[in-house]
Structures are given as structure tokens and as C-alpha cells.
């Protein structure tokens, strides 16, 4: 069995590890997150930084996200403002750009990582979430990192935190769709895939695109849901799977589903209600911004089974390494 599938299935366990990491942190640190925060990371860690920045803004602060390399070499082009904290994210804690990015801004520095590492030692504060993975690709650790830091945001801003046991159980419900996802992939040999999401689900679409490229070496795109209609939809035909990530669909989602079907594409809707799609995976009700954790296993499983269907080893994608260093 591949490590990747074992690790995706560990998502409920990862939520519990995230909660313990959060509780350990607040027990040992007299620290509250400030309101103005810059988040940075590389690859999946950058796509993780985006919903964290959005959650910060949604909860009453101001979050900004940029890849480490942009923060290092092109930050004058971005509206960074006057942040009070820089949060650098790296699963290994040894990513070259993430370590260098700690010195990009003259503000206190916070590390979000899975290990005691160079990143955690050089930061002023570190939240270590031990969701360890053997696979090159980031799966349940993404979900665990997000949940642990979201809990810290909520507590810092005087909000009620989520019930980790409940969230863990809800991710188990989502993982029950594994057989259905395998059937979708085996039943429809799609040639490309388009992931769509709005608001905090757009970074999930971006992460889905990356997972499909990493594991399955496959043509995948990601767009804001309705922006896809403005030129980008031209690539969709009878060999396309459109994955629509939507919390509460409304009339426009149904019209978009029909529009893609008229082009010959098949649509998979992942959300609270169907949109008239060819395939539908129901996601349990969980208020945003925590709802992100329920979509991630679905897109990870889709990429995994596409990789397996193509005869690839998703644990060891070509040209990639688990720790990216220079």
C-alpha cells in the first residue's frame, strides 16, 4: 500500500494531533496572534498560507499571503502594509526559501512546521504539529496545520474554538467517499481536470491542482468559480472533469454546471447540495473557515486514484523531493 493513501486516511487522526499541538502551545506560551499578519510558504505551504490569510481577515484581522520567493525578492510589488507578525510555513522546517523568508520583514517571526527544525529554532515562536508523512506530497499534514493554526487564531481573537472531536468525526464521513471517488476515476478516463472554488475554497482548488500535477503528472487547472467563464472554459470538452467546490450552491452554480455539460465535460460537485452534476460528494455542514478541512481529503483522493490509474507511484513523484533545499 502506498504511504500517500495511508496518510490521507490519517486525516481524522491529524485533526486530533493538531488540537493537541494547539493546546500544548497555549499552555506553554503567553502569546496571542496580532491582527496584521503576513503568511508565507512554498508550494502546498503557500496554498496553505492563503486560506489562513483569508481566515485572519474574516475573523477581524488583516491577513496577506505571498510565496517565500516573492517575499524575498519582489515584495515591493505587493501591498504588504505594516504587519505585526510574519508566519512562515514549512512541513520539514528545512525549506531554504522559508528559512530565508524569516528575515524578509523586520517583525516578530512565527514558524508553523511538523518538526523541531531550523525554521522553528530561528523563529520567535513555533507551532509544531507532528503530522509526519513518508510521502513526498503533503496531504493530511496540510489539514492538520490549518486546523491547529485556525484554533490559535480563534482563541487569539476571542472567538470560540472548534470541537476537534467533532471535526475529526466529520472528516471520517468525508473519507467514506473513497470508493465512490475510485469509481469516478475508473469510470471516466478524463484527459484534463479543472478545479473551481470561490473565497476560501479557491486556495483549496489551487492545492487540488497541485496535487493532481504532483501525484498523477496530469494536466490540471484551477480558477475562481465564475471567473472560469471568461476565456478559461475553452479548454473544457468531452475529456474534461470539472470539480466544483462549493459550500452552499445557488442558481449560478447550477447554470455553470449545465454550461460545462453542454460543452461535453462532466462535473463533480463537492459541497452541501448537488448542482445537477454528473457526480456529487456531499460535505457535512461545518461553518467557514473550518470547512476547508472537509474538502481537502476529497481532492487528495481524486489525485491519488488518478495517479494509480496511470500506473504511477504517488509516493515518489518524478523530479520532486520531500525537502526542497538549495
C-alpha atoms as a PDB file:
ATOM      1  CA  UNK A   1       0.000   0.000   0.000  1.00  0.00           C
ATOM      2  CA  UNK A   2       1.272   3.470  -0.831  1.00  0.00           C
ATOM      3  CA  UNK A   3       2.215   5.779   2.017  1.00  0.00           C
ATOM      4  CA  UNK A   4       0.143   8.509   0.372  1.00  0.00           C
ATOM      5  CA  UNK A   5      -3.176   6.717   0.788  1.00  0.00           C
ATOM      6  CA  UNK A   6      -2.357   5.743   4.374  1.00  0.00           C
ATOM      7  CA  UNK A   7      -1.601   9.379   5.130  1.00  0.00           C
ATOM      8  CA  UNK A   8      -4.780  10.694   3.507  1.00  0.00           C
ATOM      9  CA  UNK A   9      -6.726   8.232   5.646  1.00  0.00           C
ATOM     10  CA  UNK A  10      -4.963   9.671   8.718  1.00  0.00           C
ATOM     11  CA  UNK A  11      -6.803  12.988   8.328  1.00  0.00           C
ATOM     12  CA  UNK A  12      -9.063  12.385  11.381  1.00  0.00           C
ATOM     13  CA  UNK A  13      -6.012  11.460  13.459  1.00  0.00           C
ATOM     14  CA  UNK A  14      -4.228  14.555  12.165  1.00  0.00           C
ATOM     15  CA  UNK A  15      -7.031  16.774  13.440  1.00  0.00           C
ATOM     16  CA  UNK A  16      -6.546  15.332  16.920  1.00  0.00           C
ATOM     17  CA  UNK A  17      -2.782  15.863  16.720  1.00  0.00           C
ATOM     18  CA  UNK A  18      -3.445  19.423  15.618  1.00  0.00           C
ATOM     19  CA  UNK A  19      -5.672  20.033  18.619  1.00  0.00           C
ATOM     20  CA  UNK A  20      -3.048  18.670  21.000  1.00  0.00           C
ATOM     21  CA  UNK A  21      -0.352  20.825  19.374  1.00  0.00           C
ATOM     22  CA  UNK A  22      -2.595  23.872  19.785  1.00  0.00           C
ATOM     23  CA  UNK A  23      -3.318  23.042  23.431  1.00  0.00           C
ATOM     24  CA  UNK A  24       0.368  22.432  24.180  1.00  0.00           C
ATOM     25  CA  UNK A  25       1.277  25.741  22.580  1.00  0.00           C
ATOM     26  CA  UNK A  26      -1.183  27.846  24.582  1.00  0.00           C
ATOM     27  CA  UNK A  27      -0.231  26.001  27.773  1.00  0.00           C
ATOM     28  CA  UNK A  28       3.429  26.917  27.311  1.00  0.00           C
ATOM     29  CA  UNK A  29       3.280  30.339  25.659  1.00  0.00           C
ATOM     30  CA  UNK A  30       1.716  33.579  26.813  1.00  0.00           C
ATOM     31  CA  UNK A  31       1.118  34.658  23.243  1.00  0.00           C
ATOM     32  CA  UNK A  32      -1.776  35.981  21.175  1.00  0.00           C
ATOM     33  CA  UNK A  33      -1.696  36.418  17.422  1.00  0.00           C
ATOM     34  CA  UNK A  34      -1.862  40.077  16.370  1.00  0.00           C
ATOM     35  CA  UNK A  35      -4.320  41.495  13.843  1.00  0.00           C
ATOM     36  CA  UNK A  36      -1.916  42.272  10.965  1.00  0.00           C
ATOM     37  CA  UNK A  37      -0.228  39.084   9.752  1.00  0.00           C
ATOM     38  CA  UNK A  38       1.797  38.155   6.664  1.00  0.00           C
ATOM     39  CA  UNK A  39       1.845  34.455   5.769  1.00  0.00           C
ATOM     40  CA  UNK A  40       4.379  32.773   3.512  1.00  0.00           C
ATOM     41  CA  UNK A  41       5.299  29.314   2.274  1.00  0.00           C
ATOM     42  CA  UNK A  42       6.276  27.410  -0.872  1.00  0.00           C
ATOM     43  CA  UNK A  43       4.136  25.071  -2.976  1.00  0.00           C
ATOM     44  CA  UNK A  44       1.477  23.447  -0.803  1.00  0.00           C
ATOM     45  CA  UNK A  45       2.640  25.545   2.151  1.00  0.00           C
ATOM     46  CA  UNK A  46       1.933  28.679   0.111  1.00  0.00           C
ATOM     47  CA  UNK A  47      -1.529  27.397  -0.791  1.00  0.00           C
ATOM     48  CA  UNK A  48      -1.988  26.728   2.945  1.00  0.00           C
ATOM     49  CA  UNK A  49      -0.921  30.277   3.735  1.00  0.00           C
ATOM     50  CA  UNK A  50      -3.736  31.655   1.566  1.00  0.00           C
ATOM     51  CA  UNK A  51      -6.758  30.292   3.489  1.00  0.00           C
ATOM     52  CA  UNK A  52      -5.000  31.217   6.748  1.00  0.00           C
ATOM     53  CA  UNK A  53      -4.675  34.791   5.499  1.00  0.00           C
ATOM     54  CA  UNK A  54      -8.314  34.760   4.417  1.00  0.00           C
ATOM     55  CA  UNK A  55      -9.405  33.346   7.781  1.00  0.00           C
ATOM     56  CA  UNK A  56      -7.451  36.101   9.540  1.00  0.00           C
ATOM     57  CA  UNK A  57      -9.334  38.724   7.549  1.00  0.00           C
ATOM     58  CA  UNK A  58     -12.700  37.003   8.010  1.00  0.00           C
ATOM     59  CA  UNK A  59     -12.167  36.894  11.787  1.00  0.00           C
ATOM     60  CA  UNK A  60     -11.479  40.622  12.048  1.00  0.00           C
ATOM     61  CA  UNK A  61      -7.781  40.984  11.327  1.00  0.00           C
ATOM     62  CA  UNK A  62      -5.886  41.551   8.107  1.00  0.00           C
ATOM     63  CA  UNK A  63      -4.080  38.640   6.508  1.00  0.00           C
ATOM     64  CA  UNK A  64      -1.788  38.771   3.496  1.00  0.00           C
ATOM     65  CA  UNK A  65      -0.155  35.824   1.730  1.00  0.00           C
ATOM     66  CA  UNK A  66       2.795  35.613  -0.657  1.00  0.00           C
ATOM     67  CA  UNK A  67       5.173  32.836  -1.730  1.00  0.00           C
ATOM     68  CA  UNK A  68       8.507  32.911   0.086  1.00  0.00           C
ATOM     69  CA  UNK A  69      10.414  33.739  -3.097  1.00  0.00           C
ATOM     70  CA  UNK A  70       8.182  36.741  -3.820  1.00  0.00           C
ATOM     71  CA  UNK A  71       8.519  37.962  -0.261  1.00  0.00           C
ATOM     72  CA  UNK A  72      12.284  37.676  -0.557  1.00  0.00           C
ATOM     73  CA  UNK A  73      12.850  39.193  -3.986  1.00  0.00           C
ATOM     74  CA  UNK A  74       9.763  41.094  -5.144  1.00  0.00           C
ATOM     75  CA  UNK A  75       7.939  42.319  -2.047  1.00  0.00           C
ATOM     76  CA  UNK A  76       7.934  45.943  -3.251  1.00  0.00           C
ATOM     77  CA  UNK A  77       5.220  44.936  -5.729  1.00  0.00           C
ATOM     78  CA  UNK A  78       2.800  43.749  -3.054  1.00  0.00           C
ATOM     79  CA  UNK A  79       0.525  45.629  -0.600  1.00  0.00           C
ATOM     80  CA  UNK A  80       2.156  44.164   2.490  1.00  0.00           C
ATOM     81  CA  UNK A  81       1.371  47.162   4.682  1.00  0.00           C
ATOM     82  CA  UNK A  82       2.671  47.257   8.244  1.00  0.00           C
ATOM     83  CA  UNK A  83       2.389  43.706   9.558  1.00  0.00           C
ATOM     84  CA  UNK A  84       2.850  42.789  13.204  1.00  0.00           C
ATOM     85  CA  UNK A  85       3.887  39.184  12.560  1.00  0.00           C
ATOM     86  CA  UNK A  86       5.367  37.008   9.799  1.00  0.00           C
ATOM     87  CA  UNK A  87       4.215  33.380   9.715  1.00  0.00           C
ATOM     88  CA  UNK A  88       6.487  31.054   7.721  1.00  0.00           C
ATOM     89  CA  UNK A  89       5.153  27.582   6.900  1.00  0.00           C
ATOM     90  CA  UNK A  90       7.224  24.511   6.030  1.00  0.00           C
ATOM     91  CA  UNK A  91       6.386  20.876   6.703  1.00  0.00           C
ATOM     92  CA  UNK A  92      10.043  19.915   7.133  1.00  0.00           C
ATOM     93  CA  UNK A  93      11.166  23.204   8.627  1.00  0.00           C
ATOM     94  CA  UNK A  94      14.226  22.976   6.388  1.00  0.00           C
ATOM     95  CA  UNK A  95      12.943  24.584   3.167  1.00  0.00           C
ATOM     96  CA  UNK A  96      15.589  27.077   2.055  1.00  0.00           C
ATOM     97  CA  UNK A  97      13.220  29.867   0.998  1.00  0.00           C
ATOM     98  CA  UNK A  98      11.090  29.557   4.144  1.00  0.00           C
ATOM     99  CA  UNK A  99      14.133  29.889   6.404  1.00  0.00           C
ATOM    100  CA  UNK A 100      15.440  32.875   4.437  1.00  0.00           C
ATOM    101  CA  UNK A 101      11.970  34.456   4.429  1.00  0.00           C
ATOM    102  CA  UNK A 102      12.067  34.765   8.222  1.00  0.00           C
ATOM    103  CA  UNK A 103      14.387  37.738   7.713  1.00  0.00           C
ATOM    104  CA  UNK A 104      12.389  39.327   4.885  1.00  0.00           C
ATOM    105  CA  UNK A 105      10.458  41.644   7.208  1.00  0.00           C
ATOM    106  CA  UNK A 106      11.568  43.395  10.364  1.00  0.00           C
ATOM    107  CA  UNK A 107       8.764  41.963  12.516  1.00  0.00           C
ATOM    108  CA  UNK A 108       8.367  39.092  15.012  1.00  0.00           C
ATOM    109  CA  UNK A 109       8.572  35.683  13.331  1.00  0.00           C
ATOM    110  CA  UNK A 110       6.372  32.615  13.757  1.00  0.00           C
ATOM    111  CA  UNK A 111       7.023  29.102  12.397  1.00  0.00           C
ATOM    112  CA  UNK A 112       4.351  26.548  11.509  1.00  0.00           C
ATOM    113  CA  UNK A 113       6.004  23.169  10.933  1.00  0.00           C
ATOM    114  CA  UNK A 114       5.919  19.453  11.718  1.00  0.00           C
ATOM    115  CA  UNK A 115       9.339  19.231  13.362  1.00  0.00           C
ATOM    116  CA  UNK A 116      11.809  20.828  15.701  1.00  0.00           C
ATOM    117  CA  UNK A 117      13.896  22.287  12.910  1.00  0.00           C
ATOM    118  CA  UNK A 118      15.954  25.190  11.630  1.00  0.00           C
ATOM    119  CA  UNK A 119      12.740  27.108  10.973  1.00  0.00           C
ATOM    120  CA  UNK A 120      11.326  26.527  14.462  1.00  0.00           C
ATOM    121  CA  UNK A 121      14.643  27.402  16.132  1.00  0.00           C
ATOM    122  CA  UNK A 122      15.159  30.626  14.198  1.00  0.00           C
ATOM    123  CA  UNK A 123      11.605  31.887  14.674  1.00  0.00           C
ATOM    124  CA  UNK A 124      10.485  33.775  17.778  1.00  0.00           C
ATOM    125  CA  UNK A 125       7.575  31.374  18.226  1.00  0.00           C
ATOM    126  CA  UNK A 126       6.775  27.982  16.711  1.00  0.00           C
ATOM    127  CA  UNK A 127       3.655  25.860  16.497  1.00  0.00           C
ATOM    128  CA  UNK A 128       4.864  22.318  15.844  1.00  0.00           C
ATOM    129  CA  UNK A 129       2.155  19.968  14.567  1.00  0.00           C
ATOM    130  CA  UNK A 130       3.637  16.434  14.344  1.00  0.00           C
ATOM    131  CA  UNK A 131       1.554  15.178  11.423  1.00  0.00           C
ATOM    132  CA  UNK A 132       4.517  13.352   9.923  1.00  0.00           C
ATOM    133  CA  UNK A 133       4.448  11.908   6.411  1.00  0.00           C
ATOM    134  CA  UNK A 134       6.643   9.490   4.472  1.00  0.00           C
ATOM    135  CA  UNK A 135       5.298  10.595   1.107  1.00  0.00           C
ATOM    136  CA  UNK A 136       6.806  13.484  -0.839  1.00  0.00           C
ATOM    137  CA  UNK A 137       3.407  15.113  -1.288  1.00  0.00           C
ATOM    138  CA  UNK A 138       1.709  16.994   1.535  1.00  0.00           C
ATOM    139  CA  UNK A 139      -1.679  15.504   2.444  1.00  0.00           C
ATOM    140  CA  UNK A 140      -3.061  15.151   5.979  1.00  0.00           C
ATOM    141  CA  UNK A 141      -0.350  17.466   7.352  1.00  0.00           C
ATOM    142  CA  UNK A 142      -1.885  20.327   5.327  1.00  0.00           C
ATOM    143  CA  UNK A 143      -5.216  19.747   7.054  1.00  0.00           C
ATOM    144  CA  UNK A 144      -3.636  19.408  10.495  1.00  0.00           C
ATOM    145  CA  UNK A 145      -1.526  22.567  10.114  1.00  0.00           C
ATOM    146  CA  UNK A 146      -4.555  24.536   9.005  1.00  0.00           C
ATOM    147  CA  UNK A 147      -6.753  23.355  11.863  1.00  0.00           C
ATOM    148  CA  UNK A 148      -4.134  23.937  14.574  1.00  0.00           C
ATOM    149  CA  UNK A 149      -3.393  27.475  13.438  1.00  0.00           C
ATOM    150  CA  UNK A 150      -7.084  28.268  12.928  1.00  0.00           C
ATOM    151  CA  UNK A 151      -7.715  27.284  16.550  1.00  0.00           C
ATOM    152  CA  UNK A 152      -4.938  29.662  17.601  1.00  0.00           C
ATOM    153  CA  UNK A 153      -6.459  32.448  15.512  1.00  0.00           C
ATOM    154  CA  UNK A 154      -9.867  31.931  17.074  1.00  0.00           C
ATOM    155  CA  UNK A 155      -8.501  31.950  20.608  1.00  0.00           C
ATOM    156  CA  UNK A 156      -6.307  34.982  19.929  1.00  0.00           C
ATOM    157  CA  UNK A 157      -9.280  36.947  18.601  1.00  0.00           C
ATOM    158  CA  UNK A 158     -11.586  35.998  21.454  1.00  0.00           C
ATOM    159  CA  UNK A 159     -13.678  33.571  19.396  1.00  0.00           C
ATOM    160  CA  UNK A 160     -14.916  30.124  20.344  1.00  0.00           C
ATOM    161  CA  UNK A 161     -12.672  27.363  19.057  1.00  0.00           C
ATOM    162  CA  UNK A 162     -13.966  24.307  17.200  1.00  0.00           C
ATOM    163  CA  UNK A 163     -14.693  20.944  18.785  1.00  0.00           C
ATOM    164  CA  UNK A 164     -11.778  18.885  17.459  1.00  0.00           C
ATOM    165  CA  UNK A 165     -13.503  15.557  18.171  1.00  0.00           C
ATOM    166  CA  UNK A 166     -16.484  16.646  16.074  1.00  0.00           C
ATOM    167  CA  UNK A 167     -14.299  17.908  13.230  1.00  0.00           C
ATOM    168  CA  UNK A 168     -12.330  14.667  13.291  1.00  0.00           C
ATOM    169  CA  UNK A 169     -15.553  12.669  13.020  1.00  0.00           C
ATOM    170  CA  UNK A 170     -16.735  14.829  10.110  1.00  0.00           C
ATOM    171  CA  UNK A 171     -13.517  14.130   8.210  1.00  0.00           C
ATOM    172  CA  UNK A 172     -14.214  10.417   8.714  1.00  0.00           C
ATOM    173  CA  UNK A 173     -17.575  10.960   6.996  1.00  0.00           C
ATOM    174  CA  UNK A 174     -15.849  12.594   4.052  1.00  0.00           C
ATOM    175  CA  UNK A 175     -13.320   9.768   3.766  1.00  0.00           C
ATOM    176  CA  UNK A 176     -16.213   7.331   3.272  1.00  0.00           C
ATOM    177  CA  UNK A 177     -16.439   8.724  -0.268  1.00  0.00           C
ATOM    178  CA  UNK A 178     -13.150   6.972  -1.166  1.00  0.00           C
ATOM    179  CA  UNK A 179     -14.781   4.077  -3.052  1.00  0.00           C
ATOM    180  CA  UNK A 180     -17.003   6.480  -4.975  1.00  0.00           C
ATOM    181  CA  UNK A 181     -14.005   8.600  -5.975  1.00  0.00           C
ATOM    182  CA  UNK A 182     -12.184   5.485  -7.178  1.00  0.00           C
ATOM    183  CA  UNK A 183     -15.257   4.594  -9.253  1.00  0.00           C
ATOM    184  CA  UNK A 184     -15.359   8.069 -10.808  1.00  0.00           C
ATOM    185  CA  UNK A 185     -11.720   7.827 -11.864  1.00  0.00           C
ATOM    186  CA  UNK A 186     -12.020   4.283 -13.207  1.00  0.00           C
ATOM    187  CA  UNK A 187     -15.299   5.030 -14.997  1.00  0.00           C
ATOM    188  CA  UNK A 188     -14.272   8.270 -16.720  1.00  0.00           C
ATOM    189  CA  UNK A 189     -10.808   8.454 -18.285  1.00  0.00           C
ATOM    190  CA  UNK A 190     -10.671  12.265 -18.284  1.00  0.00           C
ATOM    191  CA  UNK A 191      -7.799  13.963 -20.129  1.00  0.00           C
ATOM    192  CA  UNK A 192      -7.713  17.114 -18.026  1.00  0.00           C
ATOM    193  CA  UNK A 193      -9.317  18.447 -14.878  1.00  0.00           C
ATOM    194  CA  UNK A 194     -10.449  21.918 -13.832  1.00  0.00           C
ATOM    195  CA  UNK A 195     -10.858  22.720 -10.131  1.00  0.00           C
ATOM    196  CA  UNK A 196     -13.139  25.616  -9.184  1.00  0.00           C
ATOM    197  CA  UNK A 197     -13.652  27.343  -5.838  1.00  0.00           C
ATOM    198  CA  UNK A 198     -14.665  30.758  -4.537  1.00  0.00           C
ATOM    199  CA  UNK A 199     -13.440  32.628  -1.480  1.00  0.00           C
ATOM    200  CA  UNK A 200     -11.645  30.381   0.969  1.00  0.00           C
ATOM    201  CA  UNK A 201     -12.268  27.386  -1.309  1.00  0.00           C
ATOM    202  CA  UNK A 202     -10.195  28.916  -4.122  1.00  0.00           C
ATOM    203  CA  UNK A 203      -6.891  28.037  -2.395  1.00  0.00           C
ATOM    204  CA  UNK A 204      -8.282  24.518  -1.966  1.00  0.00           C
ATOM    205  CA  UNK A 205      -8.794  24.416  -5.745  1.00  0.00           C
ATOM    206  CA  UNK A 206      -5.200  25.570  -6.199  1.00  0.00           C
ATOM    207  CA  UNK A 207      -3.953  22.860  -3.860  1.00  0.00           C
ATOM    208  CA  UNK A 208      -6.078  20.313  -5.755  1.00  0.00           C
ATOM    209  CA  UNK A 209      -4.437  21.405  -9.000  1.00  0.00           C
ATOM    210  CA  UNK A 210      -1.000  20.924  -7.435  1.00  0.00           C
ATOM    211  CA  UNK A 211      -1.872  17.511  -6.008  1.00  0.00           C
ATOM    212  CA  UNK A 212      -3.004  16.328  -9.439  1.00  0.00           C
ATOM    213  CA  UNK A 213       0.235  17.569 -11.008  1.00  0.00           C
ATOM    214  CA  UNK A 214       2.445  16.117  -8.256  1.00  0.00           C
ATOM    215  CA  UNK A 215       0.886  12.685  -7.873  1.00  0.00           C
ATOM    216  CA  UNK A 216      -0.562  11.995 -11.318  1.00  0.00           C
ATOM    217  CA  UNK A 217       1.702  14.176 -13.519  1.00  0.00           C
ATOM    218  CA  UNK A 218      -1.539  15.357 -15.029  1.00  0.00           C
ATOM    219  CA  UNK A 219      -2.921  18.447 -16.761  1.00  0.00           C
ATOM    220  CA  UNK A 220      -4.912  20.338 -14.149  1.00  0.00           C
ATOM    221  CA  UNK A 221      -6.106  23.917 -13.810  1.00  0.00           C
ATOM    222  CA  UNK A 222      -7.686  25.950 -11.001  1.00  0.00           C
ATOM    223  CA  UNK A 223      -9.766  29.113 -11.128  1.00  0.00           C
ATOM    224  CA  UNK A 224     -12.184  31.193  -9.095  1.00  0.00           C
ATOM    225  CA  UNK A 225     -15.556  29.599  -9.773  1.00  0.00           C
ATOM    226  CA  UNK A 226     -17.233  32.061 -12.096  1.00  0.00           C
ATOM    227  CA  UNK A 227     -14.049  33.594 -13.484  1.00  0.00           C
ATOM    228  CA  UNK A 228     -13.607  30.368 -15.467  1.00  0.00           C
ATOM    229  CA  UNK A 229     -16.348  31.535 -17.842  1.00  0.00           C
ATOM    230  CA  UNK A 230     -14.182  34.394 -19.096  1.00  0.00           C
ATOM    231  CA  UNK A 231     -11.996  32.607 -21.600  1.00  0.00           C
ATOM    232  CA  UNK A 232     -10.660  29.740 -19.491  1.00  0.00           C
ATOM    233  CA  UNK A 233     -13.609  27.433 -20.143  1.00  0.00           C
ATOM    234  CA  UNK A 234     -12.432  26.986 -23.733  1.00  0.00           C
ATOM    235  CA  UNK A 235     -10.242  24.049 -22.671  1.00  0.00           C
ATOM    236  CA  UNK A 236     -13.230  22.030 -21.410  1.00  0.00           C
ATOM    237  CA  UNK A 237     -14.584  19.316 -23.687  1.00  0.00           C
ATOM    238  CA  UNK A 238     -15.734  15.704 -23.529  1.00  0.00           C
ATOM    239  CA  UNK A 239     -12.399  14.722 -21.971  1.00  0.00           C
ATOM    240  CA  UNK A 240     -12.641  17.180 -19.079  1.00  0.00           C
ATOM    241  CA  UNK A 241     -13.651  16.651 -15.462  1.00  0.00           C
ATOM    242  CA  UNK A 242     -14.737  19.877 -13.760  1.00  0.00           C
ATOM    243  CA  UNK A 243     -14.555  19.700  -9.955  1.00  0.00           C
ATOM    244  CA  UNK A 244     -16.812  22.323  -8.410  1.00  0.00           C
ATOM    245  CA  UNK A 245     -16.015  23.027  -4.742  1.00  0.00           C
ATOM    246  CA  UNK A 246     -18.942  24.926  -3.282  1.00  0.00           C
ATOM    247  CA  UNK A 247     -20.255  25.250   0.263  1.00  0.00           C
ATOM    248  CA  UNK A 248     -23.784  26.497  -0.385  1.00  0.00           C
ATOM    249  CA  UNK A 249     -24.623  26.414  -4.115  1.00  0.00           C
ATOM    250  CA  UNK A 250     -27.101  28.811  -5.689  1.00  0.00           C
ATOM    251  CA  UNK A 251     -28.588  29.332  -9.152  1.00  0.00           C
ATOM    252  CA  UNK A 252     -25.336  30.411 -10.798  1.00  0.00           C
ATOM    253  CA  UNK A 253     -23.607  27.171  -9.801  1.00  0.00           C
ATOM    254  CA  UNK A 254     -26.387  25.186 -11.445  1.00  0.00           C
ATOM    255  CA  UNK A 255     -26.112  27.302 -14.603  1.00  0.00           C
ATOM    256  CA  UNK A 256     -22.335  26.843 -14.647  1.00  0.00           C
ATOM    257  CA  UNK A 257     -22.718  23.083 -14.251  1.00  0.00           C
ATOM    258  CA  UNK A 258     -25.098  22.994 -17.204  1.00  0.00           C
ATOM    259  CA  UNK A 259     -22.792  25.202 -19.264  1.00  0.00           C
ATOM    260  CA  UNK A 260     -19.885  22.792 -18.853  1.00  0.00           C
ATOM    261  CA  UNK A 261     -22.115  19.794 -19.566  1.00  0.00           C
ATOM    262  CA  UNK A 262     -23.225  21.486 -22.793  1.00  0.00           C
ATOM    263  CA  UNK A 263     -19.544  21.563 -23.789  1.00  0.00           C
ATOM    264  CA  UNK A 264     -19.340  17.790 -23.209  1.00  0.00           C
ATOM    265  CA  UNK A 265     -17.489  17.967 -19.886  1.00  0.00           C
ATOM    266  CA  UNK A 266     -18.520  16.043 -16.798  1.00  0.00           C
ATOM    267  CA  UNK A 267     -18.932  17.843 -13.468  1.00  0.00           C
ATOM    268  CA  UNK A 268     -18.197  16.628  -9.946  1.00  0.00           C
ATOM    269  CA  UNK A 269     -19.772  18.858  -7.309  1.00  0.00           C
ATOM    270  CA  UNK A 270     -18.327  18.691  -3.797  1.00  0.00           C
ATOM    271  CA  UNK A 271     -20.418  20.548  -1.262  1.00  0.00           C
ATOM    272  CA  UNK A 272     -23.607  20.737   0.756  1.00  0.00           C
ATOM    273  CA  UNK A 273     -26.013  20.246  -2.173  1.00  0.00           C
ATOM    274  CA  UNK A 274     -25.867  18.946  -5.736  1.00  0.00           C
ATOM    275  CA  UNK A 275     -25.890  21.361  -8.673  1.00  0.00           C
ATOM    276  CA  UNK A 276     -27.231  18.914 -11.248  1.00  0.00           C
ATOM    277  CA  UNK A 277     -23.735  17.499 -11.694  1.00  0.00           C
ATOM    278  CA  UNK A 278     -22.739  14.138 -13.143  1.00  0.00           C
ATOM    279  CA  UNK A 279     -21.183  13.210  -9.791  1.00  0.00           C
ATOM    280  CA  UNK A 280     -21.835  14.536  -6.303  1.00  0.00           C
ATOM    281  CA  UNK A 281     -19.994  14.190  -2.992  1.00  0.00           C
ATOM    282  CA  UNK A 282     -21.817  15.649   0.000  1.00  0.00           C
ATOM    283  CA  UNK A 283     -19.711  17.503   2.548  1.00  0.00           C
ATOM    284  CA  UNK A 284     -21.094  17.733   6.110  1.00  0.00           C
ATOM    285  CA  UNK A 285     -22.088  21.114   7.459  1.00  0.00           C
ATOM    286  CA  UNK A 286     -19.182  22.903   9.112  1.00  0.00           C
ATOM    287  CA  UNK A 287     -19.027  26.672   9.296  1.00  0.00           C
ATOM    288  CA  UNK A 288     -16.273  28.514   7.469  1.00  0.00           C
ATOM    289  CA  UNK A 289     -13.383  28.929   7.824  1.00  0.00           C
ATOM    290  CA  UNK A 290     -13.090  25.395   9.275  1.00  0.00           C
ATOM    291  CA  UNK A 291     -14.997  23.924   6.310  1.00  0.00           C
ATOM    292  CA  UNK A 292     -11.702  23.839   4.381  1.00  0.00           C
ATOM    293  CA  UNK A 293     -10.642  20.654   6.199  1.00  0.00           C
ATOM    294  CA  UNK A 294     -13.582  18.689   4.773  1.00  0.00           C
ATOM    295  CA  UNK A 295     -12.745  19.367   1.129  1.00  0.00           C
ATOM    296  CA  UNK A 296      -9.054  18.513   1.260  1.00  0.00           C
ATOM    297  CA  UNK A 297      -9.379  14.697   1.598  1.00  0.00           C
ATOM    298  CA  UNK A 298     -11.662  14.595  -1.447  1.00  0.00           C
ATOM    299  CA  UNK A 299      -9.239  16.353  -3.773  1.00  0.00           C
ATOM    300  CA  UNK A 300      -6.305  14.355  -2.386  1.00  0.00           C
ATOM    301  CA  UNK A 301      -8.111  11.065  -3.021  1.00  0.00           C
ATOM    302  CA  UNK A 302      -9.009  12.143  -6.545  1.00  0.00           C
ATOM    303  CA  UNK A 303      -5.356  12.863  -7.361  1.00  0.00           C
ATOM    304  CA  UNK A 304      -4.220   9.639  -5.700  1.00  0.00           C
ATOM    305  CA  UNK A 305      -6.545   7.395  -7.690  1.00  0.00           C
ATOM    306  CA  UNK A 306      -5.756   9.207 -10.935  1.00  0.00           C
ATOM    307  CA  UNK A 307      -2.058   8.539 -10.275  1.00  0.00           C
ATOM    308  CA  UNK A 308      -2.693   4.867  -9.520  1.00  0.00           C
ATOM    309  CA  UNK A 309      -4.876   4.575 -12.625  1.00  0.00           C
ATOM    310  CA  UNK A 310      -1.982   5.875 -14.705  1.00  0.00           C
ATOM    311  CA  UNK A 311       0.386   3.319 -13.217  1.00  0.00           C
ATOM    312  CA  UNK A 312       2.383   5.889 -11.243  1.00  0.00           C
ATOM    313  CA  UNK A 313       3.781   5.812  -7.710  1.00  0.00           C
ATOM    314  CA  UNK A 314       2.248   8.837  -5.941  1.00  0.00           C
ATOM    315  CA  UNK A 315       4.709   8.452  -3.058  1.00  0.00           C
ATOM    316  CA  UNK A 316       7.661   9.386  -5.269  1.00  0.00           C
ATOM    317  CA  UNK A 317       6.707  11.903  -7.959  1.00  0.00           C
ATOM    318  CA  UNK A 318       9.364  12.407 -10.619  1.00  0.00           C
ATOM    319  CA  UNK A 319      11.817  15.279 -10.207  1.00  0.00           C
ATOM    320  CA  UNK A 320      10.486  16.116  -6.721  1.00  0.00           C
ATOM    321  CA  UNK A 321      11.995  15.729  -3.251  1.00  0.00           C
ATOM    322  CA  UNK A 322      10.426  15.789   0.178  1.00  0.00           C
ATOM    323  CA  UNK A 323      12.607  18.687   1.356  1.00  0.00           C
ATOM    324  CA  UNK A 324      13.389  21.457  -1.123  1.00  0.00           C
ATOM    325  CA  UNK A 325      16.787  22.958  -0.380  1.00  0.00           C
ATOM    326  CA  UNK A 326      19.419  24.960  -2.244  1.00  0.00           C
END
